[in-house]
Amino acid sequence: MPSIKTTVAAISFAGGLAAASLGFGAGLAIAQPPPCSIPQGEVPPPHAPPKPTQVWLGEPVVWTSGWGGRWGVCKNGQMLTLSSNIVTGGG
């Protein structure tokens, strides 16, 4: 005969699976890179860091003002950033 602890654990597990299948619980938050609206880039400000390289993954490295301003590559309509935010120094 199953114990009360085993029964409660099984019911809790089944309830958790049912809630997850219905979409309850924490959602997955993913930061999306800024869209690449200007594939040829923008004019970098005078205080911009030096350009890391001229070409990366076969694409030209360009400046974008998105996310505080940084160097990046326009790939498949998305900006892949290659430098830190010049305002905060963060990612």
Protein backbone atom coordinates (compact mmCIF):
# COMPACT_ATOMS: atom_id res chain seq x y z
CA MET A 1 0.00 0.00 0.00
CA PRO A 2 1.50 3.36 -1.00
CA SER A 3 2.30 5.84 1.73
CA ILE A 4 0.75 9.29 1.98
CA LYS A 5 4.09 10.91 1.04
CA THR A 6 4.31 8.91 -2.18
CA THR A 7 0.69 9.71 -3.05
CA VAL A 8 1.11 13.45 -2.41
CA ALA A 9 4.34 13.52 -4.43
CA ALA A 10 2.69 11.75 -7.36
CA ILE A 11 -0.30 14.10 -7.30
CA SER A 12 1.98 17.15 -7.10
CA PHE A 13 4.05 15.91 -10.03
CA ALA A 14 0.95 15.21 -12.13
CA GLY A 15 -0.46 18.65 -11.27
CA GLY A 16 2.80 20.29 -12.29
CA LEU A 17 2.78 18.47 -15.63
CA ALA A 18 -0.83 19.47 -16.23
CA ALA A 19 -0.11 23.12 -15.41
CA ALA A 20 2.95 23.15 -17.66
CA SER A 21 0.99 21.64 -20.54
CA LEU A 22 -1.63 24.38 -20.18
CA GLY A 23 1.05 27.09 -20.36
CA PHE A 24 1.16 28.09 -16.71
CA GLY A 25 4.45 28.93 -15.08
CA ALA A 26 7.40 31.13 -15.93
CA GLY A 27 7.78 32.16 -19.52
CA LEU A 28 11.09 32.20 -21.31
CA ALA A 29 12.44 35.74 -21.73
CA ILE A 30 14.96 36.20 -24.52
CA ALA A 31 16.49 39.55 -25.40
CA GLN A 32 16.21 40.05 -29.13
CA PRO A 33 18.94 41.89 -30.99
CA PRO A 34 17.86 45.15 -32.60
CA PRO A 35 16.57 44.82 -36.16
CA CYS A 36 18.96 45.74 -38.91
CA SER A 37 17.10 48.64 -40.49
CA ILE A 38 20.20 50.16 -42.09
CA PRO A 39 22.46 47.32 -43.32
CA GLN A 40 25.14 49.80 -44.43
CA GLY A 41 25.30 51.23 -40.89
CA GLU A 42 25.26 54.72 -39.45
CA VAL A 43 27.95 57.34 -38.92
CA PRO A 44 29.67 56.57 -35.59
CA PRO A 45 29.90 59.37 -33.01
CA PRO A 46 33.32 60.87 -32.20
CA HIS A 47 33.46 59.01 -28.85
CA ALA A 48 32.82 55.59 -30.42
CA PRO A 49 35.37 52.85 -29.69
CA PRO A 50 37.67 51.82 -32.54
CA LYS A 51 36.18 49.51 -35.15
CA PRO A 52 37.08 45.92 -34.12
CA THR A 53 37.55 44.69 -37.71
CA GLN A 54 36.44 45.54 -41.24
CA VAL A 55 34.64 42.25 -42.04
CA TRP A 56 33.13 39.53 -39.82
CA LEU A 57 31.39 36.37 -41.09
CA GLY A 58 31.70 37.74 -44.62
CA GLU A 59 29.72 40.90 -43.78
CA PRO A 60 31.00 44.46 -43.25
CA VAL A 61 31.20 45.69 -39.65
CA VAL A 62 28.96 48.75 -39.23
CA TRP A 63 27.90 51.16 -36.47
CA THR A 64 24.39 51.08 -35.02
CA SER A 65 22.92 53.49 -32.49
CA GLY A 66 20.67 50.71 -31.11
CA TRP A 67 21.27 49.66 -27.49
CA GLY A 68 23.25 52.83 -26.77
CA GLY A 69 25.54 52.49 -29.79
CA ARG A 70 27.91 49.69 -30.76
CA TRP A 71 29.69 47.99 -33.63
CA GLY A 72 28.02 45.01 -35.25
CA VAL A 73 27.22 42.98 -38.34
CA CYS A 74 23.88 42.85 -40.15
CA LYS A 75 23.16 39.13 -40.67
CA ASN A 76 19.77 37.73 -41.75
CA GLY A 77 17.99 40.99 -40.89
CA GLN A 78 19.34 41.08 -37.31
CA MET A 79 22.21 43.06 -35.85
CA LEU A 80 24.88 40.88 -34.24
CA THR A 81 26.75 43.18 -31.88
CA LEU A 82 30.52 43.02 -31.58
CA SER A 83 31.21 45.71 -28.97
CA SER A 84 29.87 46.94 -25.64
CA ASN A 85 27.39 49.74 -25.06
CA ILE A 86 29.42 52.97 -25.18
CA VAL A 87 27.23 54.65 -22.56
CA THR A 88 27.29 51.99 -19.83
CA GLY A 89 30.18 49.81 -21.00
CA GLY A 90 27.90 46.79 -20.57
CA GLY A 91 26.65 44.08 -22.85
